[in-house]
N, C-alpha and C. Protein backbone atom coordinates (compact mmCIF):
# COMPACT_ATOMS: atom_id res chain seq x y z
N MET A 1 0.82 -1.19 0.00
CA MET A 1 0.00 0.00 0.00
C MET A 1 0.87 1.26 0.00
N ALA A 2 2.03 1.18 0.61
CA ALA A 2 2.93 2.33 0.62
C ALA A 2 3.42 2.65 -0.79
N ARG A 3 3.63 1.61 -1.59
CA ARG A 3 4.11 1.82 -2.95
C ARG A 3 3.00 2.18 -3.92
N ASN A 4 1.76 1.88 -3.56
CA ASN A 4 0.64 2.15 -4.45
C ASN A 4 -0.48 2.84 -3.66
N PRO A 5 -0.44 4.17 -3.56
CA PRO A 5 -1.47 4.88 -2.81
C PRO A 5 -2.86 4.74 -3.43
N GLY A 6 -2.93 4.26 -4.67
CA GLY A 6 -4.22 4.06 -5.33
C GLY A 6 -4.72 2.63 -5.22
N HIS A 7 -4.30 1.93 -4.17
CA HIS A 7 -4.68 0.53 -4.01
C HIS A 7 -6.19 0.37 -3.87
N ILE A 8 -6.66 -0.84 -4.08
CA ILE A 8 -8.10 -1.10 -3.98
C ILE A 8 -8.53 -1.09 -2.51
N PRO A 9 -9.77 -0.72 -2.23
CA PRO A 9 -10.25 -0.66 -0.84
C PRO A 9 -10.15 -1.99 -0.09
N GLU A 10 -10.24 -3.10 -0.80
CA GLU A 10 -10.16 -4.40 -0.16
C GLU A 10 -8.83 -4.61 0.57
N ALA A 11 -7.78 -3.90 0.14
CA ALA A 11 -6.50 -4.01 0.83
C ALA A 11 -6.62 -3.49 2.25
N LEU A 12 -7.35 -2.41 2.45
CA LEU A 12 -7.57 -1.89 3.79
C LEU A 12 -8.45 -2.83 4.60
N GLN A 13 -9.42 -3.43 3.97
CA GLN A 13 -10.28 -4.38 4.68
C GLN A 13 -9.46 -5.57 5.17
N ALA A 14 -8.54 -6.05 4.36
CA ALA A 14 -7.69 -7.18 4.75
C ALA A 14 -6.76 -6.78 5.90
N LEU A 15 -6.19 -5.59 5.82
CA LEU A 15 -5.31 -5.11 6.89
C LEU A 15 -6.10 -4.96 8.19
N TRP A 16 -7.31 -4.40 8.09
CA TRP A 16 -8.19 -4.26 9.26
C TRP A 16 -8.46 -5.64 9.88
N ALA A 17 -8.83 -6.60 9.05
CA ALA A 17 -9.15 -7.94 9.55
C ALA A 17 -7.95 -8.56 10.25
N ASP A 18 -6.76 -8.35 9.73
CA ASP A 18 -5.57 -8.91 10.37
C ASP A 18 -5.35 -8.28 11.74
N HIS A 19 -5.54 -6.98 11.86
CA HIS A 19 -5.40 -6.31 13.16
C HIS A 19 -6.45 -6.82 14.14
N VAL A 20 -7.67 -6.98 13.69
CA VAL A 20 -8.73 -7.49 14.57
C VAL A 20 -8.38 -8.91 15.00
N ARG A 21 -7.93 -9.72 14.08
CA ARG A 21 -7.54 -11.10 14.40
C ARG A 21 -6.49 -11.14 15.49
N ARG A 22 -5.56 -10.19 15.44
CA ARG A 22 -4.47 -10.14 16.43
C ARG A 22 -4.89 -9.46 17.74
N GLY A 23 -6.10 -8.89 17.77
CA GLY A 23 -6.55 -8.17 18.97
C GLY A 23 -6.00 -6.76 19.04
N GLU A 24 -5.53 -6.25 17.93
CA GLU A 24 -4.96 -4.89 17.85
C GLU A 24 -6.06 -3.93 17.42
N PHE A 25 -6.94 -3.61 18.36
CA PHE A 25 -8.15 -2.88 18.00
C PHE A 25 -7.91 -1.40 17.69
N GLU A 26 -6.97 -0.77 18.34
CA GLU A 26 -6.67 0.64 18.01
C GLU A 26 -6.09 0.73 16.61
N GLU A 27 -5.20 -0.19 16.27
CA GLU A 27 -4.63 -0.21 14.93
C GLU A 27 -5.71 -0.50 13.88
N ALA A 28 -6.59 -1.44 14.20
CA ALA A 28 -7.70 -1.76 13.30
C ALA A 28 -8.60 -0.54 13.10
N TYR A 29 -8.85 0.18 14.18
CA TYR A 29 -9.69 1.39 14.11
C TYR A 29 -9.04 2.42 13.18
N GLN A 30 -7.74 2.62 13.32
CA GLN A 30 -7.05 3.60 12.47
C GLN A 30 -7.12 3.21 11.00
N VAL A 31 -7.03 1.93 10.71
CA VAL A 31 -7.16 1.45 9.32
C VAL A 31 -8.58 1.70 8.82
N ALA A 32 -9.58 1.39 9.65
CA ALA A 32 -10.98 1.57 9.26
C ALA A 32 -11.27 3.03 8.93
N LEU A 33 -10.65 3.95 9.63
CA LEU A 33 -10.85 5.37 9.35
C LEU A 33 -10.37 5.75 7.95
N ARG A 34 -9.41 5.01 7.44
CA ARG A 34 -8.85 5.32 6.12
C ARG A 34 -9.73 4.84 4.97
N LEU A 35 -10.65 3.92 5.25
CA LEU A 35 -11.51 3.39 4.19
C LEU A 35 -12.53 4.44 3.79
N ARG A 36 -12.60 4.72 2.52
CA ARG A 36 -13.53 5.73 2.01
C ARG A 36 -14.52 5.09 1.06
N ASP A 37 -15.67 4.73 1.59
CA ASP A 37 -16.73 4.16 0.77
C ASP A 37 -18.06 4.61 1.36
N ALA A 38 -18.57 5.70 0.85
CA ALA A 38 -19.75 6.33 1.43
C ALA A 38 -21.05 5.59 1.13
N THR A 39 -21.01 4.60 0.26
CA THR A 39 -22.26 3.94 -0.12
C THR A 39 -22.44 2.57 0.51
N PHE A 40 -21.41 2.02 1.08
CA PHE A 40 -21.44 0.65 1.58
C PHE A 40 -21.49 0.68 3.11
N PHE A 41 -22.03 -0.33 3.74
CA PHE A 41 -22.18 -0.37 5.19
C PHE A 41 -20.96 -0.94 5.90
N TRP A 42 -20.02 -1.53 5.17
CA TRP A 42 -18.93 -2.26 5.79
C TRP A 42 -18.01 -1.36 6.62
N ARG A 43 -17.77 -0.13 6.20
CA ARG A 43 -16.91 0.78 6.99
C ARG A 43 -17.50 1.00 8.36
N ALA A 44 -18.81 1.20 8.44
CA ALA A 44 -19.46 1.40 9.73
C ALA A 44 -19.35 0.14 10.59
N VAL A 45 -19.42 -1.04 9.98
CA VAL A 45 -19.24 -2.30 10.71
C VAL A 45 -17.83 -2.36 11.28
N MET A 46 -16.85 -2.02 10.47
CA MET A 46 -15.46 -2.03 10.91
C MET A 46 -15.25 -1.09 12.09
N LEU A 47 -15.78 0.12 11.96
CA LEU A 47 -15.61 1.11 13.03
C LEU A 47 -16.35 0.71 14.30
N ALA A 48 -17.60 0.27 14.16
CA ALA A 48 -18.39 -0.12 15.33
C ALA A 48 -17.73 -1.28 16.06
N CYS A 49 -17.22 -2.26 15.33
CA CYS A 49 -16.53 -3.40 15.93
C CYS A 49 -15.34 -2.93 16.76
N CYS A 50 -14.51 -2.10 16.18
CA CYS A 50 -13.32 -1.62 16.89
C CYS A 50 -13.69 -0.77 18.10
N LEU A 51 -14.61 0.14 17.92
CA LEU A 51 -15.01 1.01 19.02
C LEU A 51 -15.64 0.20 20.15
N GLY A 52 -16.40 -0.83 19.82
CA GLY A 52 -16.96 -1.71 20.84
C GLY A 52 -15.87 -2.38 21.64
N HIS A 53 -14.88 -2.93 20.97
CA HIS A 53 -13.77 -3.59 21.67
C HIS A 53 -12.95 -2.60 22.49
N LEU A 54 -12.87 -1.37 22.03
CA LEU A 54 -12.10 -0.35 22.75
C LEU A 54 -12.88 0.27 23.90
N GLY A 55 -14.16 -0.11 24.05
CA GLY A 55 -14.99 0.43 25.13
C GLY A 55 -15.49 1.83 24.88
N ARG A 56 -15.42 2.28 23.65
CA ARG A 56 -15.88 3.63 23.28
C ARG A 56 -17.31 3.52 22.76
N VAL A 57 -18.21 3.17 23.68
CA VAL A 57 -19.58 2.81 23.33
C VAL A 57 -20.36 3.97 22.74
N ALA A 58 -20.18 5.17 23.27
CA ALA A 58 -20.93 6.32 22.75
C ALA A 58 -20.62 6.54 21.27
N GLU A 59 -19.35 6.47 20.91
CA GLU A 59 -18.96 6.62 19.51
C GLU A 59 -19.45 5.43 18.68
N ALA A 60 -19.40 4.26 19.27
CA ALA A 60 -19.82 3.04 18.57
C ALA A 60 -21.30 3.11 18.23
N LYS A 61 -22.11 3.67 19.10
CA LYS A 61 -23.55 3.76 18.84
C LYS A 61 -23.84 4.58 17.59
N HIS A 62 -23.03 5.60 17.34
CA HIS A 62 -23.19 6.39 16.11
C HIS A 62 -22.96 5.51 14.89
N GLU A 63 -21.94 4.66 14.94
CA GLU A 63 -21.65 3.77 13.82
C GLU A 63 -22.73 2.70 13.67
N VAL A 64 -23.26 2.21 14.79
CA VAL A 64 -24.35 1.24 14.74
C VAL A 64 -25.56 1.86 14.05
N ALA A 65 -25.86 3.11 14.38
CA ALA A 65 -26.97 3.80 13.73
C ALA A 65 -26.71 3.92 12.23
N GLU A 66 -25.48 4.14 11.86
CA GLU A 66 -25.10 4.22 10.44
C GLU A 66 -25.33 2.87 9.74
N ILE A 67 -24.97 1.79 10.42
CA ILE A 67 -25.18 0.45 9.85
C ILE A 67 -26.67 0.22 9.60
N ILE A 68 -27.48 0.51 10.60
CA ILE A 68 -28.92 0.27 10.51
C ILE A 68 -29.56 1.18 9.46
N GLU A 69 -29.05 2.39 9.32
CA GLU A 69 -29.58 3.29 8.29
C GLU A 69 -29.30 2.75 6.90
N ARG A 70 -28.10 2.22 6.69
CA ARG A 70 -27.72 1.72 5.37
C ARG A 70 -28.24 0.31 5.10
N LYS A 71 -28.41 -0.47 6.16
CA LYS A 71 -28.84 -1.87 6.03
C LYS A 71 -29.85 -2.15 7.14
N PRO A 72 -31.11 -1.74 6.97
CA PRO A 72 -32.10 -1.83 8.05
C PRO A 72 -32.30 -3.24 8.62
N ASP A 73 -32.04 -4.26 7.84
CA ASP A 73 -32.22 -5.63 8.32
C ASP A 73 -30.93 -6.26 8.84
N PHE A 74 -29.94 -5.43 9.16
CA PHE A 74 -28.64 -5.95 9.58
C PHE A 74 -28.72 -6.77 10.86
N SER A 75 -29.58 -6.42 11.78
CA SER A 75 -29.70 -7.19 13.02
C SER A 75 -30.10 -8.64 12.72
N ASN A 76 -30.92 -8.83 11.72
CA ASN A 76 -31.37 -10.17 11.35
C ASN A 76 -30.40 -10.88 10.40
N ARG A 77 -29.77 -10.12 9.51
CA ARG A 77 -28.92 -10.72 8.47
C ARG A 77 -27.43 -10.51 8.69
N GLY A 78 -27.07 -9.82 9.78
CA GLY A 78 -25.68 -9.46 10.00
C GLY A 78 -24.71 -10.61 10.00
N ARG A 79 -25.07 -11.69 10.67
CA ARG A 79 -24.17 -12.85 10.71
C ARG A 79 -23.92 -13.40 9.30
N THR A 80 -24.95 -13.46 8.49
CA THR A 80 -24.80 -13.94 7.11
C THR A 80 -23.93 -12.98 6.30
N LEU A 81 -24.19 -11.69 6.44
CA LEU A 81 -23.43 -10.69 5.67
C LEU A 81 -21.97 -10.66 6.09
N ILE A 82 -21.71 -10.73 7.38
CA ILE A 82 -20.33 -10.76 7.87
C ILE A 82 -19.65 -12.04 7.38
N GLY A 83 -20.38 -13.14 7.42
CA GLY A 83 -19.83 -14.42 6.99
C GLY A 83 -19.44 -14.47 5.52
N ARG A 84 -20.01 -13.59 4.73
CA ARG A 84 -19.63 -13.54 3.30
C ARG A 84 -18.24 -12.98 3.11
N LEU A 85 -17.79 -12.16 4.06
CA LEU A 85 -16.47 -11.54 3.95
C LEU A 85 -15.45 -12.14 4.92
N ILE A 86 -15.90 -12.58 6.07
CA ILE A 86 -15.00 -13.11 7.10
C ILE A 86 -15.18 -14.62 7.15
N LYS A 87 -14.15 -15.35 6.79
CA LYS A 87 -14.23 -16.81 6.71
C LYS A 87 -13.62 -17.52 7.92
N LEU A 88 -12.72 -16.89 8.63
CA LEU A 88 -12.10 -17.51 9.79
C LEU A 88 -13.05 -17.45 10.98
N PRO A 89 -13.39 -18.59 11.58
CA PRO A 89 -14.37 -18.60 12.68
C PRO A 89 -13.98 -17.70 13.86
N GLU A 90 -12.69 -17.69 14.23
CA GLU A 90 -12.26 -16.87 15.37
C GLU A 90 -12.42 -15.38 15.06
N LEU A 91 -12.07 -14.99 13.85
CA LEU A 91 -12.20 -13.61 13.43
C LEU A 91 -13.68 -13.22 13.34
N PHE A 92 -14.49 -14.11 12.79
CA PHE A 92 -15.92 -13.88 12.69
C PHE A 92 -16.50 -13.59 14.07
N GLU A 93 -16.18 -14.43 15.04
CA GLU A 93 -16.71 -14.25 16.40
C GLU A 93 -16.19 -12.98 17.04
N ARG A 94 -14.96 -12.61 16.75
CA ARG A 94 -14.39 -11.37 17.30
C ARG A 94 -15.12 -10.15 16.73
N VAL A 95 -15.49 -10.19 15.46
CA VAL A 95 -16.24 -9.09 14.85
C VAL A 95 -17.64 -9.01 15.46
N VAL A 96 -18.31 -10.15 15.57
CA VAL A 96 -19.66 -10.18 16.15
C VAL A 96 -19.61 -9.71 17.60
N ASP A 97 -18.59 -10.13 18.35
CA ASP A 97 -18.44 -9.72 19.74
C ASP A 97 -18.24 -8.21 19.84
N GLY A 98 -17.43 -7.65 18.97
CA GLY A 98 -17.21 -6.20 18.97
C GLY A 98 -18.49 -5.43 18.69
N LEU A 99 -19.28 -5.94 17.75
CA LEU A 99 -20.56 -5.30 17.45
C LEU A 99 -21.51 -5.41 18.64
N GLY A 100 -21.48 -6.54 19.33
CA GLY A 100 -22.30 -6.70 20.53
C GLY A 100 -21.90 -5.70 21.60
N LYS A 101 -20.61 -5.50 21.79
CA LYS A 101 -20.12 -4.52 22.76
C LYS A 101 -20.51 -3.10 22.35
N ALA A 102 -20.69 -2.90 21.05
CA ALA A 102 -21.11 -1.60 20.52
C ALA A 102 -22.61 -1.38 20.67
N GLY A 103 -23.32 -2.43 21.06
CA GLY A 103 -24.77 -2.30 21.25
C GLY A 103 -25.60 -2.87 20.12
N LEU A 104 -24.98 -3.62 19.23
CA LEU A 104 -25.71 -4.21 18.11
C LEU A 104 -25.76 -5.72 18.27
N ALA A 105 -26.87 -6.21 18.76
CA ALA A 105 -27.05 -7.65 18.93
C ALA A 105 -27.50 -8.26 17.60
N LEU A 106 -26.85 -9.34 17.22
CA LEU A 106 -27.19 -10.01 15.97
C LEU A 106 -27.90 -11.32 16.27
N ASP A 107 -28.96 -11.60 15.49
CA ASP A 107 -29.70 -12.85 15.67
C ASP A 107 -28.90 -14.02 15.20
């Protein structure tokens, strides 16, 4: 990414996932802030997950509201949607746990 500042957004998503996998939530949060995709809900998921793990619940609630605004059925379909991008079971559970700490319970 340092050699190609025009890299695809998925590179940031992969870097974020690796930080979350390692339990490096502040680093993951900083990566999530760099993702610029105003039409997709995934950035808000990334931020809410990190903020939940960091205990920054007030900020996380703003991101949860953003998720629900962009994807109103996320509470019901969130596990399926996350599972489409996150294949490692431990990482999947860490993302769901972070969202739960952020105040977003998934069915």
